[in-house]
Amino acid sequence: MPFLALLVLLALPEAVPAQGLPAYRPINPVAASRSGLSFEPFRAPRPGRWVAELSLDYASTIEYNEEPQASFLLDSELLRLRAAVSRDLSPAAFVLAEAELLGAYDGIFDGFLEWYHGLLGIPIPERERRPRNSFLYSADLAGRGPVPREPGSLFLGDLRLGLGLRAHAGVQSIVALTLPTTTGPAGYGRGEISASLLNTARFALLPRLVFEGSLSGGYTPSHGPLADSQREVFVAGSSGLRWRFWGRQALYGNLFLHSPYYHDTTLPSLDRRDFSFDFGWILAGMDGRDLRVGMTEDLEPGGPAVDLVLRLGAVF
């Protein structure tokens, strides 16, 4: 009976206003420990009710950069469980809060990922230099000596609070502060209060096709033993589409571009921009609810974007 109910829901015609893309934020600790910028979808007014969102991201990372004067090594699997709530203050304004649980592990999927990239014909030589399913996270910049980071089984990440304003139908801005509440090892949180201005626009290109894009900027003070090489001002942008192809089902794709997190390290995994493609499948419900399954791929190997991210999420 539950399976039959799911089939009926899949086939139902769309009876709700056009919905947008899932939220996206880089999971790589190189990014997460520096910038609070993300893609935040347009939030349609929902007066008198709380809106909750849950998402689970699981990522495999492999960076093996060694230069004469510097090195950066990252071989891990990362978990992020994110919970967010928002509520309208008026038809134009809303507040939001977001918390996350993080984990960094040796991993179990290196063998699968070697098969997956082999199937696609994508060589990943960095994986051949490392033992399978082992953890390493270390930076050595300008000969200062290595700064090793430790794994963590499950710990609290940074807390984000925001105030949003809908300036027009389909256009919103969010002013957000990220608080340094991380309880895990060093290297996974920002360690400072960071500020962001997140701007999003959404409009329908066709009855079944929705565009959503963003342009954002933020500031995070430098922090920790790598402070001399850290950038403090960041910009990010995104451009994506959501196509409803049958009933309440939709496919989505979102290009996300973020400015570099570090400077003058000679290491591409730190000095380059972050360029990722988030894509997947969405089952839409009533009143803005949805379920989604997705993946994120690195579009510029060698940069800070993550090799592969598996994503699950729901909005209530």
C-alpha atoms as a PDB file:
ATOM      1  CA  MET A   1       0.000   0.000   0.000  1.00  0.00           C
ATOM      2  CA  PRO A   2       2.766   2.601   0.760  1.00  0.00           C
ATOM      3  CA  PHE A   3       4.342   1.775  -2.609  1.00  0.00           C
ATOM      4  CA  LEU A   4       1.006   2.303  -4.379  1.00  0.00           C
ATOM      5  CA  ALA A   5       0.561   5.644  -2.594  1.00  0.00           C
ATOM      6  CA  LEU A   6       4.018   6.733  -3.770  1.00  0.00           C
ATOM      7  CA  LEU A   7       3.163   5.833  -7.376  1.00  0.00           C
ATOM      8  CA  VAL A   8      -0.032   7.888  -7.160  1.00  0.00           C
ATOM      9  CA  LEU A   9       1.908  10.872  -5.773  1.00  0.00           C
ATOM     10  CA  LEU A  10       4.496  10.618  -8.543  1.00  0.00           C
ATOM     11  CA  ALA A  11       1.822  10.748 -11.217  1.00  0.00           C
ATOM     12  CA  LEU A  12      -0.273  13.566  -9.758  1.00  0.00           C
ATOM     13  CA  PRO A  13      -0.299  16.751 -11.842  1.00  0.00           C
ATOM     14  CA  GLU A  14       1.513  19.795 -10.488  1.00  0.00           C
ATOM     15  CA  ALA A  15      -0.935  21.821  -8.395  1.00  0.00           C
ATOM     16  CA  VAL A  16       1.433  24.123  -6.509  1.00  0.00           C
ATOM     17  CA  PRO A  17       3.367  27.212  -7.624  1.00  0.00           C
ATOM     18  CA  ALA A  18       6.733  26.661  -9.285  1.00  0.00           C
ATOM     19  CA  GLN A  19       9.384  25.648  -6.762  1.00  0.00           C
ATOM     20  CA  GLY A  20      13.105  26.195  -6.974  1.00  0.00           C
ATOM     21  CA  LEU A  21      16.420  24.490  -6.336  1.00  0.00           C
ATOM     22  CA  PRO A  22      17.829  22.907  -3.170  1.00  0.00           C
ATOM     23  CA  ALA A  23      20.140  24.941  -0.954  1.00  0.00           C
ATOM     24  CA  TYR A  24      23.830  24.314  -1.581  1.00  0.00           C
ATOM     25  CA  ARG A  25      26.934  24.973   0.490  1.00  0.00           C
ATOM     26  CA  PRO A  26      30.451  23.556  -0.126  1.00  0.00           C
ATOM     27  CA  ILE A  27      31.356  20.730   2.271  1.00  0.00           C
ATOM     28  CA  ASN A  28      35.135  20.748   1.750  1.00  0.00           C
ATOM     29  CA  PRO A  29      36.765  21.915   5.029  1.00  0.00           C
ATOM     30  CA  VAL A  30      38.973  24.247   2.964  1.00  0.00           C
ATOM     31  CA  ALA A  31      35.762  26.112   2.080  1.00  0.00           C
ATOM     32  CA  ALA A  32      33.690  25.484   5.203  1.00  0.00           C
ATOM     33  CA  SER A  33      36.424  26.763   7.515  1.00  0.00           C
ATOM     34  CA  ARG A  34      36.695  30.071   5.624  1.00  0.00           C
ATOM     35  CA  SER A  35      33.478  31.232   3.978  1.00  0.00           C
ATOM     36  CA  GLY A  36      29.840  31.453   5.027  1.00  0.00           C
ATOM     37  CA  LEU A  37      28.603  31.903   1.453  1.00  0.00           C
ATOM     38  CA  SER A  38      26.122  29.466  -0.041  1.00  0.00           C
ATOM     39  CA  PHE A  39      23.264  29.248  -2.493  1.00  0.00           C
ATOM     40  CA  GLU A  40      19.996  29.948  -0.687  1.00  0.00           C
ATOM     41  CA  PRO A  41      16.829  29.311  -2.719  1.00  0.00           C
ATOM     42  CA  PHE A  42      14.025  31.840  -2.876  1.00  0.00           C
ATOM     43  CA  ARG A  43      11.581  31.267  -0.024  1.00  0.00           C
ATOM     44  CA  ALA A  44       7.978  31.841  -1.048  1.00  0.00           C
ATOM     45  CA  PRO A  45       5.795  33.480   1.645  1.00  0.00           C
ATOM     46  CA  ARG A  46       4.229  30.977   4.041  1.00  0.00           C
ATOM     47  CA  PRO A  47       2.498  33.131   6.671  1.00  0.00           C
ATOM     48  CA  GLY A  48       1.779  31.693  10.088  1.00  0.00           C
ATOM     49  CA  ARG A  49       3.883  28.541   9.866  1.00  0.00           C
ATOM     50  CA  TRP A  50       7.384  27.294  10.478  1.00  0.00           C
ATOM     51  CA  VAL A  51       9.237  25.765   7.523  1.00  0.00           C
ATOM     52  CA  ALA A  52      11.826  23.085   8.330  1.00  0.00           C
ATOM     53  CA  GLU A  53      14.510  21.587   6.118  1.00  0.00           C
ATOM     54  CA  LEU A  54      16.718  18.536   6.695  1.00  0.00           C
ATOM     55  CA  SER A  55      19.625  17.523   4.476  1.00  0.00           C
ATOM     56  CA  LEU A  56      22.331  14.878   4.582  1.00  0.00           C
ATOM     57  CA  ASP A  57      25.547  15.206   2.563  1.00  0.00           C
ATOM     58  CA  TYR A  58      28.269  12.550   2.386  1.00  0.00           C
ATOM     59  CA  ALA A  59      31.431  13.438   0.481  1.00  0.00           C
ATOM     60  CA  SER A  60      34.678  11.843  -0.591  1.00  0.00           C
ATOM     61  CA  THR A  61      37.684  14.178  -0.813  1.00  0.00           C
ATOM     62  CA  ILE A  62      41.126  13.637  -2.290  1.00  0.00           C
ATOM     63  CA  GLU A  63      43.686  16.426  -2.681  1.00  0.00           C
ATOM     64  CA  TYR A  64      47.394  15.670  -3.015  1.00  0.00           C
ATOM     65  CA  ASN A  65      49.319  18.890  -3.684  1.00  0.00           C
ATOM     66  CA  GLU A  66      53.067  18.934  -3.112  1.00  0.00           C
ATOM     67  CA  GLU A  67      55.289  21.808  -4.215  1.00  0.00           C
ATOM     68  CA  PRO A  68      58.881  22.640  -3.214  1.00  0.00           C
ATOM     69  CA  GLN A  69      57.750  25.258  -0.679  1.00  0.00           C
ATOM     70  CA  ALA A  70      54.303  24.016   0.341  1.00  0.00           C
ATOM     71  CA  SER A  71      51.990  21.024   0.521  1.00  0.00           C
ATOM     72  CA  PHE A  72      48.323  20.298   1.150  1.00  0.00           C
ATOM     73  CA  LEU A  73      46.975  16.780   1.644  1.00  0.00           C
ATOM     74  CA  LEU A  74      43.312  15.906   2.178  1.00  0.00           C
ATOM     75  CA  ASP A  75      42.047  12.322   2.007  1.00  0.00           C
ATOM     76  CA  SER A  76      38.788  11.828   3.890  1.00  0.00           C
ATOM     77  CA  GLU A  77      35.090  11.137   3.844  1.00  0.00           C
ATOM     78  CA  LEU A  78      32.893  13.888   5.259  1.00  0.00           C
ATOM     79  CA  LEU A  79      29.403  13.851   6.749  1.00  0.00           C
ATOM     80  CA  ARG A  80      27.119  16.849   7.183  1.00  0.00           C
ATOM     81  CA  LEU A  81      23.625  16.651   8.673  1.00  0.00           C
ATOM     82  CA  ARG A  82      21.980  20.073   8.383  1.00  0.00           C
ATOM     83  CA  ALA A  83      18.742  21.290   9.979  1.00  0.00           C
ATOM     84  CA  ALA A  84      17.228  24.681   9.133  1.00  0.00           C
ATOM     85  CA  VAL A  85      14.033  26.468  10.164  1.00  0.00           C
ATOM     86  CA  SER A  86      12.489  29.691   8.884  1.00  0.00           C
ATOM     87  CA  ARG A  87       9.390  31.739   9.656  1.00  0.00           C
ATOM     88  CA  ASP A  88       7.774  34.786   8.076  1.00  0.00           C
ATOM     89  CA  LEU A  89       7.642  38.014  10.078  1.00  0.00           C
ATOM     90  CA  SER A  90       5.531  39.676   7.365  1.00  0.00           C
ATOM     91  CA  PRO A  91       4.764  39.073   3.679  1.00  0.00           C
ATOM     92  CA  ALA A  92       8.162  40.607   2.867  1.00  0.00           C
ATOM     93  CA  ALA A  93      10.427  39.571   5.778  1.00  0.00           C
ATOM     94  CA  PHE A  94      11.474  36.306   7.407  1.00  0.00           C
ATOM     95  CA  VAL A  95      14.021  34.913   9.850  1.00  0.00           C
ATOM     96  CA  LEU A  96      16.004  31.695   9.623  1.00  0.00           C
ATOM     97  CA  ALA A  97      18.330  29.577  11.755  1.00  0.00           C
ATOM     98  CA  GLU A  98      20.559  26.713  10.711  1.00  0.00           C
ATOM     99  CA  ALA A  99      22.618  24.154  12.644  1.00  0.00           C
ATOM    100  CA  GLU A 100      24.688  21.197  11.499  1.00  0.00           C
ATOM    101  CA  LEU A 101      26.369  18.038  12.724  1.00  0.00           C
ATOM    102  CA  LEU A 102      29.670  17.150  11.049  1.00  0.00           C
ATOM    103  CA  GLY A 103      31.893  14.109  10.796  1.00  0.00           C
ATOM    104  CA  ALA A 104      35.295  13.414   9.198  1.00  0.00           C
ATOM    105  CA  TYR A 105      36.337   9.785   8.700  1.00  0.00           C
ATOM    106  CA  ASP A 106      38.819   7.365   7.152  1.00  0.00           C
ATOM    107  CA  GLY A 107      36.012   6.252   4.864  1.00  0.00           C
ATOM    108  CA  ILE A 108      34.752   3.084   3.224  1.00  0.00           C
ATOM    109  CA  PHE A 109      34.014   4.112  -0.383  1.00  0.00           C
ATOM    110  CA  ASP A 110      37.440   4.509  -2.036  1.00  0.00           C
ATOM    111  CA  GLY A 111      37.035   1.239  -3.948  1.00  0.00           C
ATOM    112  CA  PHE A 112      33.598   2.221  -5.237  1.00  0.00           C
ATOM    113  CA  LEU A 113      34.843   5.649  -6.301  1.00  0.00           C
ATOM    114  CA  GLU A 114      37.750   4.138  -8.233  1.00  0.00           C
ATOM    115  CA  TRP A 115      35.222   1.968 -10.093  1.00  0.00           C
ATOM    116  CA  TYR A 116      32.858   4.928 -10.635  1.00  0.00           C
ATOM    117  CA  HIS A 117      35.509   7.205 -12.111  1.00  0.00           C
ATOM    118  CA  GLY A 118      36.917   4.340 -14.170  1.00  0.00           C
ATOM    119  CA  LEU A 119      33.444   3.770 -15.611  1.00  0.00           C
ATOM    120  CA  LEU A 120      33.308   7.442 -16.633  1.00  0.00           C
ATOM    121  CA  GLY A 121      36.872   7.403 -17.939  1.00  0.00           C
ATOM    122  CA  ILE A 122      38.000  10.025 -15.409  1.00  0.00           C
ATOM    123  CA  PRO A 123      41.538   9.432 -14.083  1.00  0.00           C
ATOM    124  CA  ILE A 124      42.138  10.337 -10.417  1.00  0.00           C
ATOM    125  CA  PRO A 125      45.919   9.856  -9.990  1.00  0.00           C
ATOM    126  CA  GLU A 126      45.800  11.274  -6.443  1.00  0.00           C
ATOM    127  CA  ARG A 127      43.926   8.174  -5.262  1.00  0.00           C
ATOM    128  CA  GLU A 128      46.687   5.905  -6.543  1.00  0.00           C
ATOM    129  CA  ARG A 129      49.195   7.613  -4.217  1.00  0.00           C
ATOM    130  CA  ARG A 130      47.187   6.952  -1.066  1.00  0.00           C
ATOM    131  CA  PRO A 131      46.195   3.767   0.773  1.00  0.00           C
ATOM    132  CA  ARG A 132      42.506   2.961   0.563  1.00  0.00           C
ATOM    133  CA  ASN A 133      40.136   4.227   3.227  1.00  0.00           C
ATOM    134  CA  SER A 134      42.693   6.136   5.296  1.00  0.00           C
ATOM    135  CA  PHE A 135      42.460   9.675   6.706  1.00  0.00           C
ATOM    136  CA  LEU A 136      44.914  12.511   6.120  1.00  0.00           C
ATOM    137  CA  TYR A 137      44.342  16.276   6.450  1.00  0.00           C
ATOM    138  CA  SER A 138      47.475  18.409   6.648  1.00  0.00           C
ATOM    139  CA  ALA A 139      48.798  21.735   5.333  1.00  0.00           C
ATOM    140  CA  ASP A 140      52.362  23.056   5.209  1.00  0.00           C
ATOM    141  CA  LEU A 141      52.496  26.568   3.763  1.00  0.00           C
ATOM    142  CA  ALA A 142      55.686  28.496   3.003  1.00  0.00           C
ATOM    143  CA  GLY A 143      57.822  26.115   5.026  1.00  0.00           C
ATOM    144  CA  ARG A 144      56.134  26.940   8.348  1.00  0.00           C
ATOM    145  CA  GLY A 145      55.932  23.289   9.296  1.00  0.00           C
ATOM    146  CA  PRO A 146      52.972  20.951   8.853  1.00  0.00           C
ATOM    147  CA  VAL A 147      49.601  21.800  10.414  1.00  0.00           C
ATOM    148  CA  PRO A 148      47.890  18.418  10.850  1.00  0.00           C
ATOM    149  CA  ARG A 149      44.141  18.092  11.388  1.00  0.00           C
ATOM    150  CA  GLU A 150      42.362  15.266  13.150  1.00  0.00           C
ATOM    151  CA  PRO A 151      39.266  13.261  12.183  1.00  0.00           C
ATOM    152  CA  GLY A 152      36.099  13.540  14.251  1.00  0.00           C
ATOM    153  CA  SER A 153      33.239  11.071  14.569  1.00  0.00           C
ATOM    154  CA  LEU A 154      30.336  13.506  15.123  1.00  0.00           C
ATOM    155  CA  PHE A 155      30.440  17.110  16.303  1.00  0.00           C
ATOM    156  CA  LEU A 156      28.509  20.372  16.147  1.00  0.00           C
ATOM    157  CA  GLY A 157      29.304  22.766  13.309  1.00  0.00           C
ATOM    158  CA  ASP A 158      28.905  26.533  13.108  1.00  0.00           C
ATOM    159  CA  LEU A 159      25.451  28.029  13.745  1.00  0.00           C
ATOM    160  CA  ARG A 160      23.953  30.452  11.207  1.00  0.00           C
ATOM    161  CA  LEU A 161      21.271  33.083  11.865  1.00  0.00           C
ATOM    162  CA  GLY A 162      19.695  35.220   9.154  1.00  0.00           C
ATOM    163  CA  LEU A 163      17.170  37.922   8.349  1.00  0.00           C
ATOM    164  CA  GLY A 164      15.621  37.812   4.875  1.00  0.00           C
ATOM    165  CA  LEU A 165      13.753  40.369   2.774  1.00  0.00           C
ATOM    166  CA  ARG A 166      11.692  39.661  -0.338  1.00  0.00           C
ATOM    167  CA  ALA A 167      12.174  42.800  -2.399  1.00  0.00           C
ATOM    168  CA  HIS A 168       9.987  41.537  -5.246  1.00  0.00           C
ATOM    169  CA  ALA A 169       8.136  38.398  -6.285  1.00  0.00           C
ATOM    170  CA  GLY A 170      10.976  35.936  -6.878  1.00  0.00           C
ATOM    171  CA  VAL A 171      13.768  38.192  -5.528  1.00  0.00           C
ATOM    172  CA  GLN A 172      15.182  38.024  -1.996  1.00  0.00           C
ATOM    173  CA  SER A 173      18.201  39.072   0.063  1.00  0.00           C
ATOM    174  CA  ILE A 174      19.414  37.464   3.296  1.00  0.00           C
ATOM    175  CA  VAL A 175      21.820  39.027   5.788  1.00  0.00           C
ATOM    176  CA  ALA A 176      23.397  36.155   7.718  1.00  0.00           C
ATOM    177  CA  LEU A 177      25.838  35.768  10.595  1.00  0.00           C
ATOM    178  CA  THR A 178      27.692  32.515  11.226  1.00  0.00           C
ATOM    179  CA  LEU A 179      28.705  31.927  14.840  1.00  0.00           C
ATOM    180  CA  PRO A 180      31.835  29.902  15.777  1.00  0.00           C
ATOM    181  CA  THR A 181      30.059  27.078  17.633  1.00  0.00           C
ATOM    182  CA  THR A 182      32.048  24.132  16.235  1.00  0.00           C
ATOM    183  CA  THR A 183      32.875  21.561  18.924  1.00  0.00           C
ATOM    184  CA  GLY A 184      35.117  19.333  16.791  1.00  0.00           C
ATOM    185  CA  PRO A 185      38.816  19.409  15.919  1.00  0.00           C
ATOM    186  CA  ALA A 186      40.443  22.503  14.439  1.00  0.00           C
ATOM    187  CA  GLY A 187      40.136  22.977  10.687  1.00  0.00           C
ATOM    188  CA  TYR A 188      36.384  22.385  10.236  1.00  0.00           C
ATOM    189  CA  GLY A 189      34.883  25.651  11.522  1.00  0.00           C
ATOM    190  CA  ARG A 190      35.648  29.297  10.882  1.00  0.00           C
ATOM    191  CA  GLY A 191      36.655  30.125  14.448  1.00  0.00           C
ATOM    192  CA  GLU A 192      35.306  33.669  13.981  1.00  0.00           C
ATOM    193  CA  ILE A 193      31.973  35.382  13.379  1.00  0.00           C
ATOM    194  CA  SER A 194      31.420  35.677   9.619  1.00  0.00           C
ATOM    195  CA  ALA A 195      28.921  37.876   7.763  1.00  0.00           C
ATOM    196  CA  SER A 196      27.221  37.247   4.418  1.00  0.00           C
ATOM    197  CA  LEU A 197      24.791  38.950   2.050  1.00  0.00           C
ATOM    198  CA  LEU A 198      23.011  36.292  -0.020  1.00  0.00           C
ATOM    199  CA  ASN A 199      20.932  37.493  -3.000  1.00  0.00           C
ATOM    200  CA  THR A 200      18.679  35.180  -5.020  1.00  0.00           C
ATOM    201  CA  ALA A 201      16.355  35.591  -8.018  1.00  0.00           C
ATOM    202  CA  ARG A 202      13.900  33.013  -9.351  1.00  0.00           C
ATOM    203  CA  PHE A 203      11.537  33.154 -12.324  1.00  0.00           C
ATOM    204  CA  ALA A 204       9.772  30.758 -14.674  1.00  0.00           C
ATOM    205  CA  LEU A 205      11.190  30.448 -18.197  1.00  0.00           C
ATOM    206  CA  LEU A 206       8.397  28.066 -19.222  1.00  0.00           C
ATOM    207  CA  PRO A 207       5.480  26.510 -17.322  1.00  0.00           C
ATOM    208  CA  ARG A 208       7.672  23.490 -16.483  1.00  0.00           C
ATOM    209  CA  LEU A 209      11.089  25.175 -16.418  1.00  0.00           C
ATOM    210  CA  VAL A 210      12.313  27.467 -13.609  1.00  0.00           C
ATOM    211  CA  PHE A 211      15.564  29.437 -13.468  1.00  0.00           C
ATOM    212  CA  GLU A 212      17.195  30.356 -10.165  1.00  0.00           C
ATOM    213  CA  GLY A 213      20.423  32.279  -9.729  1.00  0.00           C
ATOM    214  CA  SER A 214      22.347  33.993  -6.955  1.00  0.00           C
ATOM    215  CA  LEU A 215      25.075  36.566  -6.337  1.00  0.00           C
ATOM    216  CA  SER A 216      26.532  36.855  -2.840  1.00  0.00           C
ATOM    217  CA  GLY A 217      29.372  38.390  -0.869  1.00  0.00           C
ATOM    218  CA  GLY A 218      30.819  37.831   2.578  1.00  0.00           C
ATOM    219  CA  TYR A 219      33.560  38.519   5.095  1.00  0.00           C
ATOM    220  CA  THR A 220      35.364  36.161   7.484  1.00  0.00           C
ATOM    221  CA  PRO A 221      38.353  37.329   9.580  1.00  0.00           C
ATOM    222  CA  SER A 222      41.503  35.260   9.172  1.00  0.00           C
ATOM    223  CA  HIS A 223      42.089  32.772  11.943  1.00  0.00           C
ATOM    224  CA  GLY A 224      44.537  30.152  13.170  1.00  0.00           C
ATOM    225  CA  PRO A 225      48.031  29.054  12.079  1.00  0.00           C
ATOM    226  CA  LEU A 226      47.277  29.592   8.352  1.00  0.00           C
ATOM    227  CA  ALA A 227      45.928  33.150   8.817  1.00  0.00           C
ATOM    228  CA  ASP A 228      48.663  34.834   6.739  1.00  0.00           C
ATOM    229  CA  SER A 229      47.506  32.980   3.615  1.00  0.00           C
ATOM    230  CA  GLN A 230      43.752  33.240   4.148  1.00  0.00           C
ATOM    231  CA  ARG A 231      41.496  35.546   2.170  1.00  0.00           C
ATOM    232  CA  GLU A 232      38.891  37.474   4.152  1.00  0.00           C
ATOM    233  CA  VAL A 233      36.497  38.793   1.466  1.00  0.00           C
ATOM    234  CA  PHE A 234      34.584  36.342  -0.729  1.00  0.00           C
ATOM    235  CA  VAL A 235      32.094  36.399  -3.594  1.00  0.00           C
ATOM    236  CA  ALA A 236      29.985  33.592  -5.008  1.00  0.00           C
ATOM    237  CA  GLY A 237      27.413  33.101  -7.728  1.00  0.00           C
ATOM    238  CA  SER A 238      25.189  30.350  -9.042  1.00  0.00           C
ATOM    239  CA  SER A 239      22.955  29.585 -12.004  1.00  0.00           C
ATOM    240  CA  GLY A 240      20.539  26.674 -12.161  1.00  0.00           C
ATOM    241  CA  LEU A 241      17.406  25.167 -13.680  1.00  0.00           C
ATOM    242  CA  ARG A 242      14.589  22.986 -12.375  1.00  0.00           C
ATOM    243  CA  TRP A 243      12.585  21.054 -14.985  1.00  0.00           C
ATOM    244  CA  ARG A 244       9.315  19.362 -14.053  1.00  0.00           C
ATOM    245  CA  PHE A 245       9.213  16.438 -16.464  1.00  0.00           C
ATOM    246  CA  TRP A 246       6.326  14.278 -15.164  1.00  0.00           C
ATOM    247  CA  GLY A 247       3.693  14.795 -12.495  1.00  0.00           C
ATOM    248  CA  ARG A 248       5.416  16.179  -9.417  1.00  0.00           C
ATOM    249  CA  GLN A 249       8.856  14.949 -10.416  1.00  0.00           C
ATOM    250  CA  ALA A 250      11.611  17.318 -11.460  1.00  0.00           C
ATOM    251  CA  LEU A 251      15.267  17.257 -12.408  1.00  0.00           C
ATOM    252  CA  TYR A 252      17.598  20.067 -11.374  1.00  0.00           C
ATOM    253  CA  GLY A 253      21.097  21.271 -12.075  1.00  0.00           C
ATOM    254  CA  ASN A 254      22.938  24.144 -10.398  1.00  0.00           C
ATOM    255  CA  LEU A 255      26.367  25.590 -11.221  1.00  0.00           C
ATOM    256  CA  PHE A 256      28.071  27.126  -8.168  1.00  0.00           C
ATOM    257  CA  LEU A 257      31.171  29.323  -8.413  1.00  0.00           C
ATOM    258  CA  HIS A 258      33.081  30.671  -5.390  1.00  0.00           C
ATOM    259  CA  SER A 259      36.149  32.894  -5.257  1.00  0.00           C
ATOM    260  CA  PRO A 260      39.420  31.446  -3.855  1.00  0.00           C
ATOM    261  CA  TYR A 261      39.727  30.856  -0.113  1.00  0.00           C
ATOM    262  CA  TYR A 262      43.539  31.308   0.141  1.00  0.00           C
ATOM    263  CA  HIS A 263      46.204  33.290  -1.719  1.00  0.00           C
ATOM    264  CA  ASP A 264      49.856  32.928  -2.735  1.00  0.00           C
ATOM    265  CA  THR A 265      50.282  29.382  -1.412  1.00  0.00           C
ATOM    266  CA  THR A 266      51.346  28.007  -4.868  1.00  0.00           C
ATOM    267  CA  LEU A 267      48.823  25.175  -4.291  1.00  0.00           C
ATOM    268  CA  PRO A 268      45.868  24.886  -6.716  1.00  0.00           C
ATOM    269  CA  SER A 269      43.629  23.167  -4.153  1.00  0.00           C
ATOM    270  CA  LEU A 270      43.831  26.325  -2.001  1.00  0.00           C
ATOM    271  CA  ASP A 271      44.442  29.215  -4.435  1.00  0.00           C
ATOM    272  CA  ARG A 272      41.937  28.340  -7.168  1.00  0.00           C
ATOM    273  CA  ARG A 273      38.242  29.140  -7.380  1.00  0.00           C
ATOM    274  CA  ASP A 274      35.654  26.567  -6.306  1.00  0.00           C
ATOM    275  CA  PHE A 275      33.513  25.422  -9.258  1.00  0.00           C
ATOM    276  CA  SER A 276      30.908  22.709  -8.644  1.00  0.00           C
ATOM    277  CA  PHE A 277      27.829  21.215 -10.304  1.00  0.00           C
ATOM    278  CA  ASP A 278      24.956  20.153  -8.048  1.00  0.00           C
ATOM    279  CA  PHE A 279      22.285  18.024  -9.745  1.00  0.00           C
ATOM    280  CA  GLY A 280      19.563  15.526  -8.934  1.00  0.00           C
ATOM    281  CA  TRP A 281      15.876  14.542  -8.718  1.00  0.00           C
ATOM    282  CA  ILE A 282      13.054  16.178  -6.733  1.00  0.00           C
ATOM    283  CA  LEU A 283       9.593  14.955  -5.769  1.00  0.00           C
ATOM    284  CA  ALA A 284       7.422  17.986  -4.986  1.00  0.00           C
ATOM    285  CA  GLY A 285       4.642  17.974  -2.417  1.00  0.00           C
ATOM    286  CA  MET A 286       2.052  20.538  -1.398  1.00  0.00           C
ATOM    287  CA  ASP A 287       2.823  23.913   0.218  1.00  0.00           C
ATOM    288  CA  GLY A 288       6.494  23.906  -0.780  1.00  0.00           C
ATOM    289  CA  ARG A 289       7.311  20.474   0.636  1.00  0.00           C
ATOM    290  CA  ASP A 290       9.687  18.257  -1.322  1.00  0.00           C
ATOM    291  CA  LEU A 291      12.018  15.261  -1.206  1.00  0.00           C
ATOM    292  CA  ARG A 292      15.266  15.168  -3.171  1.00  0.00           C
ATOM    293  CA  VAL A 293      18.224  12.977  -4.058  1.00  0.00           C
ATOM    294  CA  GLY A 294      21.304  14.523  -5.640  1.00  0.00           C
ATOM    295  CA  MET A 295      25.029  14.534  -6.298  1.00  0.00           C
ATOM    296  CA  THR A 296      27.704  17.213  -6.584  1.00  0.00           C
ATOM    297  CA  GLU A 297      30.732  16.949  -8.879  1.00  0.00           C
ATOM    298  CA  ASP A 298      33.948  18.959  -9.148  1.00  0.00           C
ATOM    299  CA  LEU A 299      34.091  20.745 -12.529  1.00  0.00           C
ATOM    300  CA  GLU A 300      37.709  21.879 -12.194  1.00  0.00           C
ATOM    301  CA  PRO A 301      39.860  19.025 -10.845  1.00  0.00           C
ATOM    302  CA  GLY A 302      42.781  20.308  -8.817  1.00  0.00           C
ATOM    303  CA  GLY A 303      40.778  23.120  -7.237  1.00  0.00           C
ATOM    304  CA  PRO A 304      39.033  23.114  -3.846  1.00  0.00           C
ATOM    305  CA  ALA A 305      35.751  21.580  -5.068  1.00  0.00           C
ATOM    306  CA  VAL A 306      35.029  18.092  -3.703  1.00  0.00           C
ATOM    307  CA  ASP A 307      35.518  14.969  -5.828  1.00  0.00           C
ATOM    308  CA  LEU A 308      32.004  13.588  -5.203  1.00  0.00           C
ATOM    309  CA  VAL A 309      29.123  14.424  -2.832  1.00  0.00           C
ATOM    310  CA  LEU A 310      25.970  12.331  -2.331  1.00  0.00           C
ATOM    311  CA  ARG A 311      22.979  14.367  -1.092  1.00  0.00           C
ATOM    312  CA  LEU A 312      19.564  13.661   0.448  1.00  0.00           C
ATOM    313  CA  GLY A 313      17.105  16.293   1.621  1.00  0.00           C
ATOM    314  CA  ALA A 314      13.538  17.194   2.513  1.00  0.00           C
ATOM    315  CA  VAL A 315      11.535  20.374   3.157  1.00  0.00           C
ATOM    316  CA  PHE A 316       8.497  20.294   5.475  1.00  0.00           C
END
